[in-house]
Protein backbone atom coordinates (compact mmCIF):
# COMPACT_ATOMS: atom_id res chain seq x y z
CA MET A 1 1.57 6.43 -29.54
CA ARG A 2 4.99 6.04 -27.80
CA GLY A 3 5.63 9.76 -28.01
CA LYS A 4 2.22 10.49 -26.58
CA HIS A 5 2.83 8.19 -23.59
CA THR A 6 6.21 9.59 -22.96
CA VAL A 7 4.63 13.02 -22.90
CA ILE A 8 1.95 11.93 -20.41
CA LEU A 9 4.30 9.98 -18.25
CA GLY A 10 6.65 13.08 -18.20
CA ALA A 11 3.77 15.35 -17.10
CA ALA A 12 2.63 12.98 -14.36
CA LEU A 13 6.21 12.44 -12.92
CA SER A 14 6.75 16.15 -12.99
CA ALA A 15 3.68 16.93 -11.09
CA LEU A 16 4.54 14.09 -8.71
CA PHE A 17 7.84 15.53 -7.92
CA ALA A 18 6.99 19.18 -8.00
CA GLY A 19 7.70 20.97 -4.86
CA ALA A 20 6.45 24.37 -3.81
CA ALA A 21 8.10 27.16 -5.69
CA GLY A 22 11.09 28.43 -4.02
CA ALA A 23 10.83 26.02 -1.11
CA GLN A 24 13.33 23.12 -0.27
CA MET A 25 11.63 19.71 -0.42
CA LEU A 26 12.94 16.08 0.06
CA GLU A 27 10.90 13.56 -1.77
CA CYS A 28 10.94 9.95 -2.59
CA THR A 29 8.71 7.52 -4.66
CA LEU A 30 9.67 3.95 -4.21
CA VAL A 31 7.93 1.07 -5.93
CA ALA A 32 9.07 -2.72 -5.66
CA ASP A 33 7.55 -6.02 -6.63
CA ALA A 34 5.64 -7.42 -3.77
CA ALA A 35 6.80 -10.91 -4.21
CA SER A 36 10.47 -10.44 -4.99
CA GLY A 37 11.28 -7.13 -3.54
CA GLN A 38 12.93 -6.08 -6.79
CA GLU A 39 12.79 -2.26 -7.05
CA LEU A 40 10.83 -1.16 -10.13
CA TYR A 41 11.03 2.47 -9.77
CA ARG A 42 12.96 4.71 -7.35
CA LYS A 43 13.30 8.40 -7.32
CA GLY A 44 14.42 10.91 -4.60
CA ALA A 45 15.69 10.64 -1.01
CA CYS A 46 14.29 7.16 -0.32
CA ASP A 47 16.90 6.34 2.42
CA LYS A 48 16.13 9.41 4.64
CA ALA A 49 14.15 8.56 7.66
CA PHE A 50 11.30 10.64 9.10
CA ALA A 51 8.50 10.17 11.75
CA PRO A 52 5.98 7.54 10.42
CA MET A 53 3.07 9.64 11.80
CA SER A 54 -0.29 7.82 10.97
CA THR A 55 1.29 5.28 8.61
CA PHE A 56 2.26 3.88 12.01
CA LYS A 57 -1.39 2.68 12.34
CA VAL A 58 -0.52 -0.14 9.98
CA PRO A 59 1.90 -1.81 12.48
CA LEU A 60 -0.25 -0.73 15.25
CA ALA A 61 -3.02 -2.74 13.90
CA VAL A 62 -1.05 -5.93 13.53
CA MET A 63 0.15 -5.50 17.28
CA GLY A 64 -3.52 -4.87 18.35
CA TYR A 65 -4.83 -7.83 16.51
CA ASP A 66 -2.12 -10.06 17.66
CA ALA A 67 -2.47 -9.00 21.24
CA GLY A 68 -6.21 -9.60 21.19
CA ILE A 69 -7.17 -6.07 21.93
CA LEU A 70 -8.45 -5.57 18.53
CA VAL A 71 -11.12 -8.17 17.57
CA ASP A 72 -12.33 -7.72 13.98
CA ALA A 73 -13.17 -4.98 11.41
CA HIS A 74 -15.66 -3.24 13.69
CA ASN A 75 -14.67 -4.26 17.21
CA PRO A 76 -13.80 -2.88 19.76
CA ARG A 77 -15.81 0.30 19.47
CA TRP A 78 -14.53 2.92 21.72
CA ASP A 79 -16.25 6.15 22.77
CA TYR A 80 -14.38 9.41 22.44
CA LYS A 81 -13.73 11.21 25.83
CA PRO A 82 -12.71 14.93 26.24
CA GLU A 83 -9.57 14.07 27.89
CA PHE A 84 -8.24 12.46 24.60
CA ASN A 85 -7.79 16.07 23.14
CA GLY A 86 -8.67 15.06 19.70
CA TYR A 87 -9.57 17.32 16.80
CA LYS A 88 -13.15 17.87 16.19
CA PHE A 89 -13.39 15.36 13.40
CA GLN A 90 -12.00 12.72 15.48
CA GLN A 91 -14.42 13.22 18.39
CA LYS A 92 -16.68 10.25 17.71
CA THR A 93 -17.00 6.54 18.54
CA THR A 94 -14.46 4.72 16.60
CA ASP A 95 -13.71 1.08 15.37
CA PRO A 96 -10.83 -0.36 13.64
CA THR A 97 -11.99 0.37 10.21
CA ILE A 98 -12.97 3.99 10.98
CA TRP A 99 -9.65 4.31 12.84
CA GLU A 100 -7.64 3.57 9.71
CA LYS A 101 -9.99 5.30 7.21
CA ASP A 102 -10.14 8.68 9.27
CA SER A 103 -6.76 8.62 11.02
CA ILE A 104 -8.03 8.76 14.57
CA VAL A 105 -4.96 9.50 16.73
CA TRP A 106 -6.64 8.87 20.07
CA TYR A 107 -7.58 5.43 19.13
CA SER A 108 -3.88 4.58 18.52
CA GLN A 109 -3.06 6.00 21.81
CA GLN A 110 -5.71 4.14 23.79
CA LEU A 111 -4.49 0.90 21.92
CA THR A 112 -0.79 1.36 23.07
CA ARG A 113 -1.93 2.19 26.51
CA LYS A 114 -3.87 -1.18 26.86
CA MET A 115 -1.00 -2.90 25.28
CA GLY A 116 1.63 -1.60 27.73
CA GLN A 117 5.25 -0.29 27.32
CA LYS A 118 6.91 -3.81 27.51
CA ARG A 119 4.71 -5.57 24.86
CA PHE A 120 4.73 -2.44 22.69
CA ALA A 121 8.53 -2.35 22.80
CA ALA A 122 8.75 -5.94 22.08
CA TYR A 123 6.54 -5.54 18.75
CA VAL A 124 8.52 -2.65 17.49
CA ALA A 125 11.74 -4.57 17.92
CA GLY A 126 10.41 -7.70 16.62
CA PHE A 127 9.06 -5.99 13.39
CA GLY A 128 12.49 -4.37 12.86
CA TYR A 129 10.58 -1.13 12.42
CA GLY A 130 12.74 1.83 11.53
CA ASN A 131 15.21 3.07 14.02
CA GLY A 132 13.24 1.32 16.94
CA ASP A 133 13.53 4.38 19.04
CA ILE A 134 10.15 4.57 21.17
CA SER A 135 11.62 6.83 23.80
CA GLY A 136 9.34 9.67 22.76
CA GLU A 137 10.11 13.42 23.36
CA PRO A 138 13.13 14.09 25.54
CA GLY A 139 12.02 14.48 29.16
CA LYS A 140 8.43 13.73 28.73
CA SER A 141 8.23 9.66 29.05
CA ASN A 142 5.58 9.74 26.37
CA GLY A 143 7.11 7.17 23.94
CA LEU A 144 4.15 4.86 24.56
CA THR A 145 1.65 7.43 23.00
CA HIS A 146 3.83 9.94 20.99
CA SER A 147 7.08 8.11 19.80
CA TRP A 148 5.70 7.89 16.14
CA LEU A 149 4.12 11.42 16.06
CA GLY A 150 7.25 13.52 15.25
CA SER A 151 9.53 12.63 17.90
CA SER A 152 11.89 9.63 18.43
CA LEU A 153 10.64 6.75 16.09
CA LYS A 154 11.72 7.39 12.36
CA ILE A 155 11.53 5.20 9.33
CA SER A 156 12.68 5.71 5.68
CA PRO A 157 10.67 5.01 2.52
CA GLU A 158 12.96 1.75 2.11
CA GLY A 159 12.03 0.66 5.56
CA GLN A 160 8.28 1.37 4.73
CA VAL A 161 8.46 -0.83 1.66
CA ARG A 162 10.31 -3.57 3.54
CA PHE A 163 7.63 -3.51 6.35
CA VAL A 164 4.71 -3.67 3.89
CA ARG A 165 6.19 -6.58 1.96
CA ASP A 166 6.63 -8.45 5.14
CA LEU A 167 3.07 -7.80 6.11
CA LEU A 168 1.62 -8.93 2.90
CA SER A 169 3.69 -12.12 2.93
CA ALA A 170 2.62 -12.60 6.68
CA LYS A 171 6.37 -12.66 7.65
CA LEU A 172 5.95 -10.51 10.66
CA PRO A 173 6.61 -11.94 14.31
CA ALA A 174 2.69 -12.01 14.73
CA SER A 175 -0.17 -14.22 13.94
CA LYS A 176 -1.08 -14.71 10.26
CA ASP A 177 -4.58 -13.74 11.24
CA ALA A 178 -3.43 -10.48 12.70
CA GLN A 179 -1.75 -9.60 9.55
CA GLN A 180 -4.65 -10.62 7.39
CA MET A 181 -7.01 -8.59 9.44
CA THR A 182 -4.78 -5.48 9.21
CA VAL A 183 -4.64 -5.90 5.40
CA SER A 184 -8.46 -6.08 5.31
CA ILE A 185 -9.18 -2.85 7.15
CA LEU A 186 -6.83 -0.49 5.23
CA PRO A 187 -8.49 2.00 2.99
CA HIS A 188 -9.22 1.20 -0.70
CA PHE A 189 -8.53 3.50 -3.65
CA ALA A 190 -8.43 3.28 -7.42
CA ALA A 191 -5.60 4.41 -9.77
CA GLY A 192 -6.80 3.62 -13.31
CA ASP A 193 -6.87 -0.07 -13.63
CA TRP A 194 -4.84 -0.64 -10.33
CA ALA A 195 -6.55 -1.38 -7.16
CA VAL A 196 -4.70 0.40 -4.25
CA GLN A 197 -4.90 -0.04 -0.46
CA GLY A 198 -2.67 2.26 1.73
CA LYS A 199 -2.46 4.56 4.65
CA THR A 200 -1.46 8.31 4.61
CA GLY A 201 0.55 10.07 7.43
CA THR A 202 0.72 13.85 7.93
CA GLY A 203 2.72 15.73 10.20
CA SER A 204 5.74 18.17 10.42
CA PHE A 205 9.54 18.04 11.35
CA ILE A 206 12.15 20.69 11.89
CA ASP A 207 14.17 21.27 8.75
CA ALA A 208 17.85 22.23 8.19
CA ARG A 209 16.99 25.88 8.60
CA GLY A 210 15.34 25.14 12.01
CA ALA A 211 11.88 25.86 10.80
CA LYS A 212 8.68 23.77 11.13
CA ALA A 213 8.04 22.07 7.70
CA PRO A 214 5.17 19.72 6.45
CA LEU A 215 5.66 15.95 6.21
CA GLY A 216 3.65 13.56 4.13
CA TRP A 217 3.52 9.79 3.64
CA PHE A 218 1.56 7.42 1.65
CA ILE A 219 2.45 3.69 1.91
CA GLY A 220 0.73 0.46 0.60
CA TRP A 221 0.31 -1.84 -2.29
CA ALA A 222 -1.32 -1.76 -5.59
CA THR A 223 -2.67 -4.79 -7.71
CA HIS A 224 -3.35 -5.17 -11.49
CA GLU A 225 -4.38 -8.42 -12.67
CA GLU A 226 -1.64 -10.86 -11.52
CA ARG A 227 0.71 -8.08 -10.55
CA ARG A 228 1.32 -6.61 -7.13
CA VAL A 229 3.70 -3.90 -6.13
CA VAL A 230 4.36 -2.32 -2.95
CA PHE A 231 5.07 1.54 -2.57
CA ALA A 232 6.11 4.43 -0.41
CA ARG A 233 5.74 8.01 -1.37
CA MET A 234 7.18 10.64 1.08
CA THR A 235 7.40 14.47 0.85
CA ALA A 236 9.33 16.47 3.61
CA GLY A 237 9.64 20.16 3.44
CA GLY A 238 8.38 22.96 1.06
CA LYS A 239 5.42 25.22 1.98
CA LYS A 240 2.18 24.02 3.67
CA GLY A 241 -0.45 23.59 1.06
CA GLU A 242 -4.20 23.91 1.40
CA GLN A 243 -4.49 20.01 1.55
CA PRO A 244 -2.78 18.16 4.28
CA ALA A 245 0.58 16.69 3.35
CA GLY A 246 -0.32 12.96 3.61
CA PRO A 247 -3.44 13.30 1.38
CA ALA A 248 -1.52 15.41 -0.95
CA ALA A 249 1.18 12.61 -1.33
CA ARG A 250 -1.64 9.99 -1.79
CA ASP A 251 -3.45 11.97 -4.50
CA ALA A 252 -0.33 12.73 -6.35
CA PHE A 253 0.74 8.98 -6.26
CA LEU A 254 -2.54 7.76 -7.28
CA LYS A 255 -2.65 10.19 -10.30
CA ALA A 256 0.70 9.14 -11.40
CA LEU A 257 0.58 5.35 -10.92
CA PRO A 258 -1.11 4.30 -14.26
CA ASP A 259 1.57 5.91 -16.35
CA LEU A 260 4.25 5.27 -13.97
CA ALA A 261 3.34 1.57 -14.31
CA LYS A 262 4.32 1.50 -17.94
CA ARG A 263 7.88 1.45 -16.87
CA PHE A 264 7.57 -1.60 -14.72
């Protein structure tokens, strides 16, 4: 039985870390105990920082609830406007739950606009989030709405795991209710006997060759019986696949988790 489990685990991990053939890719999978912070599994470039992309909707939710802009799981409901320049799938009335589930960028941007630059900056600094740089793209003064979308703000998988731990233990400098509401609206997934909540992030970055390359994230936590772990999965580089990089990172992690957990 041990040999069979070893083969299954090896295959799962090989799939998890397999990049596109012939393409350079940086990857990380980091899993830690939610209570103690002890690392349970670590593989890859977990100290390398990249733009958080839509994983930033997690800290944004904490900010929004703490500031009183977000009310509950389904309020406020904001209508889409053409000037938001959203993708077709984003062109709909959105509430906090839909925002997280469907990754609606314009909702994030309306939230930070209502929050204002000063308060937004204070939250990012107070959370100790990544490199803390919310200046945005050089010369565009768009940090309030774009800093996390492939420009100035960057965070490593290590930083993502620390943030998620602080969120789950309500240690962020925000109200406990704001942190609990954020936890409640994040999407749910299943990975064998593990119940998972997490957020994807998809985008791109300029690689060492000066070429545009895909970036994918999946961060969150997983629970099985009395055990809870936090995790970050990141892929940066390689060839663009048929599936967006964030959902691809999510699906690979969910597939590997049940066998990976045998090592914990």
